[in-house]
Structure formats: structure tokens, C-alpha cells
């Protein structure tokens, strides 16, 4: 992965079977090109989808529907490969957007990080 962190990314905590992606700030449609660029850079560097993923929204100030839709399309790549995706610390607005996009069953929203890690930090055949 690129050494410079994009504005929307606090950090990624890599565990054995799950990556915890900690987002921050305002994540709106203006961020989509940066997010897409990061995805493409990672792919060119050989990064592959090989773990479950947990997205932490604790430090996110705001998110818009265009960016949620973009993220959901990208996150379905994990699901298509048999991995699980979870969210933790979503705002009330994000919960409404997930419901609007009918994704609350596809991507699980966990009440706390400990529960999420208990479920997601194990081999994908068990998760």
C-alpha cells in the first residue's frame, strides 16, 4: 500500500483474518476520485482481497449518499469472494443510508468492535 495516507483514512489495522479500516473526516462525493485512486494504486502494487473487512466510522464527521453507494459497490467485491464486510460506529445518517440502499443485511452493522472482531477475525470459511 502507498505510504502516504489519504485524507479520509486514519489507519488500517491488519489482523490475521480481518483488516480494520478506520476512516475519518468528511467523506463525500469529492472523496470518490481519491478513494478510487487508492484502490487502483493498491491493485497495481499487488494488493488482493484476501480477508474479511471491518469499516470503522468513529472518526467520520459526515458521509453522503453518493459515497456510500460507491463504497457499497466496491465492498461487494469482498462478498463476491466469500469474505464478510462489517461496519462499526456508524452515524445515524449512515444507518439510514444503508437502509435506503437495502444493504443492512448484506453488510452487518456491529454494536461494538469487540463483537465485530470476534466474528470477523477468523478464517472466512468459519466467519
N, C-alpha and C. Protein backbone atom coordinates (compact mmCIF):
# COMPACT_ATOMS: atom_id res chain seq x y z
N UNK A 1 0.83 -1.18 0.00
CA UNK A 1 0.00 0.00 0.00
C UNK A 1 0.88 1.25 0.00
N UNK A 2 0.31 2.33 -0.48
CA UNK A 2 1.01 3.61 -0.54
C UNK A 2 1.35 4.08 0.87
N UNK A 3 2.53 4.70 1.02
CA UNK A 3 2.94 5.16 2.34
C UNK A 3 2.18 6.40 2.79
N UNK A 4 1.80 7.27 1.86
CA UNK A 4 1.06 8.48 2.24
C UNK A 4 -0.42 8.12 2.43
N UNK A 5 -0.96 8.60 3.54
CA UNK A 5 -2.35 8.30 3.86
C UNK A 5 -3.26 9.32 3.18
N UNK A 6 -4.31 8.85 2.54
CA UNK A 6 -5.30 9.79 2.00
C UNK A 6 -6.04 10.49 3.14
N UNK A 7 -6.64 11.62 2.82
CA UNK A 7 -7.31 12.45 3.84
C UNK A 7 -8.41 11.71 4.59
N UNK A 8 -9.05 10.76 3.95
CA UNK A 8 -10.19 10.06 4.56
C UNK A 8 -9.78 8.86 5.41
N UNK A 9 -8.50 8.50 5.43
CA UNK A 9 -8.05 7.27 6.09
C UNK A 9 -7.22 7.58 7.32
N UNK A 10 -7.72 7.19 8.49
CA UNK A 10 -6.96 7.34 9.72
C UNK A 10 -5.84 6.30 9.76
N UNK A 11 -6.21 5.03 9.57
CA UNK A 11 -5.21 3.95 9.51
C UNK A 11 -5.92 2.64 9.18
N UNK A 12 -5.11 1.63 8.88
CA UNK A 12 -5.62 0.28 8.67
C UNK A 12 -4.92 -0.62 9.68
N UNK A 13 -5.71 -1.30 10.50
CA UNK A 13 -5.18 -2.27 11.45
C UNK A 13 -5.33 -3.65 10.84
N UNK A 14 -4.19 -4.27 10.53
CA UNK A 14 -4.21 -5.58 9.89
C UNK A 14 -4.11 -6.67 10.95
N UNK A 15 -5.08 -7.56 10.93
CA UNK A 15 -5.09 -8.72 11.82
C UNK A 15 -5.01 -9.96 10.96
N UNK A 16 -5.01 -11.11 11.58
CA UNK A 16 -4.81 -12.34 10.82
C UNK A 16 -5.88 -12.55 9.75
N UNK A 17 -7.15 -12.37 10.10
CA UNK A 17 -8.23 -12.67 9.17
C UNK A 17 -9.13 -11.49 8.85
N UNK A 18 -8.80 -10.31 9.37
CA UNK A 18 -9.62 -9.13 9.11
C UNK A 18 -8.74 -7.88 9.08
N UNK A 19 -9.06 -6.98 8.18
CA UNK A 19 -8.45 -5.65 8.17
C UNK A 19 -9.49 -4.68 8.71
N UNK A 20 -9.09 -3.87 9.69
CA UNK A 20 -9.97 -2.84 10.24
C UNK A 20 -9.57 -1.52 9.59
N UNK A 21 -10.45 -0.99 8.77
CA UNK A 21 -10.19 0.24 8.04
C UNK A 21 -10.86 1.38 8.80
N UNK A 22 -10.03 2.25 9.35
CA UNK A 22 -10.52 3.34 10.20
C UNK A 22 -10.57 4.63 9.37
N UNK A 23 -11.79 5.05 9.07
CA UNK A 23 -12.00 6.24 8.26
C UNK A 23 -12.10 7.47 9.15
N UNK A 24 -11.96 8.66 8.53
CA UNK A 24 -12.04 9.90 9.31
C UNK A 24 -12.51 11.05 8.44
N UNK A 25 -12.96 12.10 9.10
CA UNK A 25 -13.30 13.35 8.43
C UNK A 25 -14.61 13.31 7.68
N UNK A 26 -14.71 14.20 6.71
CA UNK A 26 -15.89 14.29 5.86
C UNK A 26 -15.63 13.42 4.64
N UNK A 27 -16.50 12.44 4.43
CA UNK A 27 -16.36 11.54 3.30
C UNK A 27 -17.56 11.78 2.39
N UNK A 28 -17.30 12.59 1.36
CA UNK A 28 -18.39 12.95 0.45
C UNK A 28 -17.98 12.67 -0.99
N UNK A 29 -18.82 13.06 -1.92
CA UNK A 29 -18.59 12.75 -3.34
C UNK A 29 -17.26 13.28 -3.84
N UNK A 30 -16.73 14.33 -3.22
CA UNK A 30 -15.43 14.85 -3.62
C UNK A 30 -14.29 13.89 -3.28
N UNK A 31 -14.53 12.96 -2.37
CA UNK A 31 -13.53 11.97 -1.98
C UNK A 31 -13.49 10.78 -2.94
N UNK A 32 -14.54 10.57 -3.72
CA UNK A 32 -14.62 9.38 -4.57
C UNK A 32 -13.40 9.22 -5.48
N UNK A 33 -12.94 10.26 -6.17
CA UNK A 33 -11.74 10.08 -7.01
C UNK A 33 -10.51 9.66 -6.20
N UNK A 34 -10.35 10.20 -4.98
CA UNK A 34 -9.23 9.81 -4.14
C UNK A 34 -9.34 8.35 -3.70
N UNK A 35 -10.54 7.95 -3.35
CA UNK A 35 -10.76 6.56 -2.93
C UNK A 35 -10.48 5.62 -4.10
N UNK A 36 -10.99 5.94 -5.27
CA UNK A 36 -10.77 5.11 -6.46
C UNK A 36 -9.28 5.05 -6.80
N UNK A 37 -8.59 6.18 -6.71
CA UNK A 37 -7.15 6.20 -6.98
C UNK A 37 -6.41 5.28 -6.01
N UNK A 38 -6.79 5.33 -4.75
CA UNK A 38 -6.15 4.47 -3.73
C UNK A 38 -6.37 2.99 -4.05
N UNK A 39 -7.59 2.65 -4.45
CA UNK A 39 -7.91 1.26 -4.81
C UNK A 39 -7.04 0.82 -5.99
N UNK A 40 -6.93 1.66 -7.00
CA UNK A 40 -6.15 1.30 -8.19
C UNK A 40 -4.66 1.20 -7.86
N UNK A 41 -4.14 2.11 -7.04
CA UNK A 41 -2.74 2.03 -6.62
C UNK A 41 -2.47 0.72 -5.88
N UNK A 42 -3.36 0.37 -4.97
CA UNK A 42 -3.19 -0.87 -4.22
C UNK A 42 -3.21 -2.08 -5.14
N UNK A 43 -4.10 -2.08 -6.12
CA UNK A 43 -4.17 -3.20 -7.05
C UNK A 43 -2.91 -3.31 -7.89
N UNK A 44 -2.40 -2.16 -8.36
CA UNK A 44 -1.17 -2.18 -9.16
C UNK A 44 0.01 -2.66 -8.32
N UNK A 45 -0.05 -2.42 -7.02
CA UNK A 45 1.01 -2.86 -6.11
C UNK A 45 0.85 -4.32 -5.71
N UNK A 46 -0.18 -4.99 -6.24
CA UNK A 46 -0.36 -6.41 -5.96
C UNK A 46 -1.31 -6.72 -4.83
N UNK A 47 -1.95 -5.72 -4.27
CA UNK A 47 -2.90 -5.95 -3.19
C UNK A 47 -4.10 -6.75 -3.69
N UNK A 48 -4.50 -7.73 -2.91
CA UNK A 48 -5.65 -8.56 -3.29
C UNK A 48 -6.65 -8.61 -2.14
N UNK A 49 -7.84 -9.03 -2.46
CA UNK A 49 -8.88 -9.20 -1.44
C UNK A 49 -8.68 -10.59 -0.86
N UNK A 50 -8.18 -10.65 0.39
CA UNK A 50 -7.90 -11.95 0.98
C UNK A 50 -8.28 -12.05 2.46
N UNK A 51 -9.08 -11.09 2.92
CA UNK A 51 -9.51 -11.08 4.33
C UNK A 51 -10.90 -10.50 4.44
N UNK A 52 -11.52 -10.74 5.58
CA UNK A 52 -12.73 -10.01 5.94
C UNK A 52 -12.34 -8.56 6.18
N UNK A 53 -13.31 -7.68 6.19
CA UNK A 53 -13.01 -6.27 6.42
C UNK A 53 -14.05 -5.65 7.35
N UNK A 54 -13.56 -4.81 8.25
CA UNK A 54 -14.41 -4.06 9.16
C UNK A 54 -14.12 -2.58 8.94
N UNK A 55 -15.16 -1.82 8.62
CA UNK A 55 -15.02 -0.38 8.40
C UNK A 55 -15.46 0.34 9.67
N UNK A 56 -14.55 1.12 10.25
CA UNK A 56 -14.84 1.87 11.47
C UNK A 56 -15.10 3.33 11.12
N UNK A 57 -16.30 3.80 11.46
CA UNK A 57 -16.72 5.17 11.15
C UNK A 57 -16.65 6.10 12.36
N UNK A 58 -15.96 5.71 13.43
CA UNK A 58 -15.95 6.51 14.67
C UNK A 58 -15.46 7.94 14.45
N UNK A 59 -14.50 8.13 13.56
CA UNK A 59 -13.92 9.47 13.35
C UNK A 59 -14.48 10.17 12.12
N UNK A 60 -15.53 9.60 11.52
CA UNK A 60 -16.14 10.22 10.34
C UNK A 60 -17.12 11.29 10.79
N UNK A 61 -16.94 12.49 10.26
CA UNK A 61 -17.80 13.61 10.63
C UNK A 61 -19.09 13.63 9.82
N UNK A 62 -19.00 13.26 8.54
CA UNK A 62 -20.18 13.26 7.68
C UNK A 62 -19.91 12.35 6.49
N UNK A 63 -20.98 11.81 5.93
CA UNK A 63 -20.90 10.95 4.76
C UNK A 63 -22.13 11.23 3.91
N UNK A 64 -21.97 11.17 2.58
CA UNK A 64 -23.13 11.43 1.72
C UNK A 64 -23.54 10.17 0.96
N UNK A 65 -24.71 10.23 0.36
CA UNK A 65 -25.27 9.04 -0.30
C UNK A 65 -24.45 8.59 -1.50
N UNK A 66 -23.85 9.51 -2.25
CA UNK A 66 -23.04 9.12 -3.41
C UNK A 66 -21.84 8.29 -2.98
N UNK A 67 -21.20 8.70 -1.90
CA UNK A 67 -20.03 7.98 -1.43
C UNK A 67 -20.41 6.64 -0.82
N UNK A 68 -21.52 6.58 -0.11
CA UNK A 68 -21.99 5.30 0.42
C UNK A 68 -22.28 4.34 -0.73
N UNK A 69 -22.95 4.82 -1.76
CA UNK A 69 -23.25 3.96 -2.92
C UNK A 69 -21.96 3.46 -3.56
N UNK A 70 -20.97 4.34 -3.73
CA UNK A 70 -19.68 3.96 -4.31
C UNK A 70 -19.01 2.89 -3.44
N UNK A 71 -18.97 3.12 -2.12
CA UNK A 71 -18.35 2.14 -1.21
C UNK A 71 -19.06 0.79 -1.29
N UNK A 72 -20.37 0.80 -1.32
CA UNK A 72 -21.12 -0.45 -1.34
C UNK A 72 -20.80 -1.27 -2.58
N UNK A 73 -20.68 -0.62 -3.71
CA UNK A 73 -20.32 -1.33 -4.95
C UNK A 73 -18.94 -1.96 -4.79
N UNK A 74 -17.99 -1.20 -4.27
CA UNK A 74 -16.63 -1.73 -4.08
C UNK A 74 -16.59 -2.85 -3.04
N UNK A 75 -17.35 -2.69 -1.97
CA UNK A 75 -17.33 -3.69 -0.91
C UNK A 75 -17.99 -5.00 -1.32
N UNK A 76 -18.85 -4.96 -2.31
CA UNK A 76 -19.46 -6.20 -2.80
C UNK A 76 -18.42 -7.13 -3.41
N UNK A 77 -17.26 -6.58 -3.82
CA UNK A 77 -16.16 -7.42 -4.32
C UNK A 77 -15.70 -8.40 -3.23
N UNK A 78 -15.70 -7.95 -1.99
CA UNK A 78 -15.32 -8.84 -0.89
C UNK A 78 -16.34 -9.96 -0.74
N UNK A 79 -17.60 -9.58 -0.73
CA UNK A 79 -18.68 -10.55 -0.59
C UNK A 79 -18.63 -11.57 -1.74
N UNK A 80 -18.36 -11.11 -2.95
CA UNK A 80 -18.30 -11.99 -4.11
C UNK A 80 -17.19 -13.03 -3.98
N UNK A 81 -16.16 -12.72 -3.20
CA UNK A 81 -15.04 -13.65 -3.00
C UNK A 81 -15.21 -14.48 -1.72
N UNK A 82 -16.37 -14.35 -1.08
CA UNK A 82 -16.66 -15.16 0.10
C UNK A 82 -16.25 -14.55 1.42
N UNK A 83 -15.82 -13.30 1.40
CA UNK A 83 -15.43 -12.63 2.63
C UNK A 83 -16.58 -11.79 3.16
N UNK A 84 -16.52 -11.49 4.46
CA UNK A 84 -17.57 -10.69 5.09
C UNK A 84 -17.10 -9.25 5.29
N UNK A 85 -18.07 -8.36 5.26
CA UNK A 85 -17.82 -6.94 5.49
C UNK A 85 -18.72 -6.49 6.63
N UNK A 86 -18.14 -5.77 7.57
CA UNK A 86 -18.93 -5.23 8.66
C UNK A 86 -18.63 -3.76 8.88
N UNK A 87 -19.57 -3.09 9.53
CA UNK A 87 -19.42 -1.69 9.88
C UNK A 87 -19.52 -1.57 11.39
N UNK A 88 -18.76 -0.63 11.95
CA UNK A 88 -18.85 -0.34 13.37
C UNK A 88 -18.80 1.18 13.54
N UNK A 89 -19.50 1.66 14.55
CA UNK A 89 -19.58 3.08 14.87
C UNK A 89 -20.19 3.94 13.76
N UNK A 90 -21.22 3.44 13.07
CA UNK A 90 -21.83 4.28 12.03
C UNK A 90 -22.71 5.35 12.67
N UNK A 91 -22.78 6.48 12.01
CA UNK A 91 -23.68 7.55 12.48
C UNK A 91 -25.12 7.15 12.17
N UNK A 92 -26.05 7.86 12.76
CA UNK A 92 -27.47 7.61 12.46
C UNK A 92 -27.73 7.84 10.98
N UNK A 93 -27.08 8.84 10.39
CA UNK A 93 -27.25 9.13 8.96
C UNK A 93 -26.77 7.95 8.11
N UNK A 94 -25.63 7.38 8.46
CA UNK A 94 -25.12 6.23 7.70
C UNK A 94 -26.07 5.05 7.81
N UNK A 95 -26.60 4.81 8.99
CA UNK A 95 -27.57 3.71 9.16
C UNK A 95 -28.78 3.91 8.25
N UNK A 96 -29.26 5.15 8.16
CA UNK A 96 -30.40 5.45 7.28
C UNK A 96 -30.02 5.19 5.82
N UNK A 97 -28.81 5.60 5.42
CA UNK A 97 -28.37 5.38 4.04
C UNK A 97 -28.24 3.89 3.73
N UNK A 98 -27.71 3.12 4.66
CA UNK A 98 -27.60 1.67 4.44
C UNK A 98 -28.99 1.06 4.27
N UNK A 99 -29.92 1.52 5.07
CA UNK A 99 -31.30 1.03 4.95
C UNK A 99 -31.89 1.46 3.61
N UNK A 100 -31.62 2.70 3.20
CA UNK A 100 -32.13 3.21 1.93
C UNK A 100 -31.62 2.38 0.75
N UNK A 101 -30.36 1.98 0.83
CA UNK A 101 -29.77 1.16 -0.23
C UNK A 101 -30.05 -0.33 -0.03
N UNK A 102 -30.85 -0.66 0.99
CA UNK A 102 -31.23 -2.05 1.29
C UNK A 102 -29.99 -2.93 1.49
N UNK A 103 -29.01 -2.42 2.22
CA UNK A 103 -27.76 -3.14 2.43
C UNK A 103 -27.56 -3.55 3.88
N UNK A 104 -28.54 -3.35 4.73
CA UNK A 104 -28.35 -3.66 6.14
C UNK A 104 -28.23 -5.16 6.39
N UNK A 105 -28.66 -5.99 5.45
CA UNK A 105 -28.48 -7.44 5.60
C UNK A 105 -27.18 -7.91 4.96
N UNK A 106 -26.77 -7.26 3.87
CA UNK A 106 -25.55 -7.65 3.16
C UNK A 106 -24.31 -7.35 3.99
N UNK A 107 -24.26 -6.14 4.52
CA UNK A 107 -23.12 -5.71 5.32
C UNK A 107 -23.60 -5.48 6.74
N UNK A 108 -23.11 -6.27 7.65
CA UNK A 108 -23.60 -6.23 9.03
C UNK A 108 -23.06 -5.02 9.77
N UNK A 109 -23.95 -4.38 10.52
CA UNK A 109 -23.56 -3.29 11.40
C UNK A 109 -23.44 -3.87 12.80
N UNK A 110 -22.25 -3.78 13.37
CA UNK A 110 -21.99 -4.33 14.70
C UNK A 110 -22.16 -3.24 15.76
N UNK A 111 -22.63 -3.65 16.94
CA UNK A 111 -22.84 -2.69 18.02
C UNK A 111 -21.53 -2.27 18.67
N UNK A 112 -20.52 -3.14 18.60
CA UNK A 112 -19.22 -2.76 19.15
C UNK A 112 -18.12 -3.50 18.39
N UNK A 113 -16.92 -2.94 18.46
CA UNK A 113 -15.79 -3.51 17.74
C UNK A 113 -15.43 -4.90 18.25
N UNK A 114 -15.54 -5.13 19.55
CA UNK A 114 -15.20 -6.44 20.11
C UNK A 114 -16.06 -7.54 19.49
N UNK A 115 -17.37 -7.28 19.35
CA UNK A 115 -18.26 -8.26 18.72
C UNK A 115 -17.87 -8.48 17.26
N UNK A 116 -17.55 -7.40 16.58
CA UNK A 116 -17.17 -7.50 15.17
C UNK A 116 -15.91 -8.34 15.01
N UNK A 117 -14.92 -8.08 15.83
CA UNK A 117 -13.66 -8.82 15.72
C UNK A 117 -13.85 -10.29 16.08
N UNK A 118 -14.69 -10.56 17.06
CA UNK A 118 -14.97 -11.95 17.43
C UNK A 118 -15.53 -12.72 16.22
N UNK A 119 -16.39 -12.07 15.45
CA UNK A 119 -16.99 -12.73 14.30
C UNK A 119 -16.11 -12.71 13.06
N UNK A 120 -15.42 -11.61 12.82
CA UNK A 120 -14.71 -11.45 11.55
C UNK A 120 -13.25 -11.88 11.58
N UNK A 121 -12.62 -11.92 12.74
CA UNK A 121 -11.20 -12.27 12.78
C UNK A 121 -11.01 -13.78 12.92
N UNK A 122 -11.53 -14.49 11.95
CA UNK A 122 -11.35 -15.95 11.85
C UNK A 122 -11.41 -16.30 10.37
N UNK A 123 -10.94 -17.48 10.01
CA UNK A 123 -10.91 -17.84 8.58
C UNK A 123 -12.28 -17.64 7.93
N UNK A 124 -12.27 -17.17 6.69
CA UNK A 124 -13.54 -16.83 6.04
C UNK A 124 -14.49 -18.00 5.92
N UNK A 125 -14.00 -19.22 5.91
CA UNK A 125 -14.90 -20.37 5.85
C UNK A 125 -15.69 -20.53 7.15
N UNK A 126 -15.17 -19.96 8.25
CA UNK A 126 -15.85 -20.02 9.54
C UNK A 126 -16.63 -18.75 9.83
N UNK A 127 -16.21 -17.64 9.25
CA UNK A 127 -16.81 -16.34 9.58
C UNK A 127 -18.23 -16.22 9.10
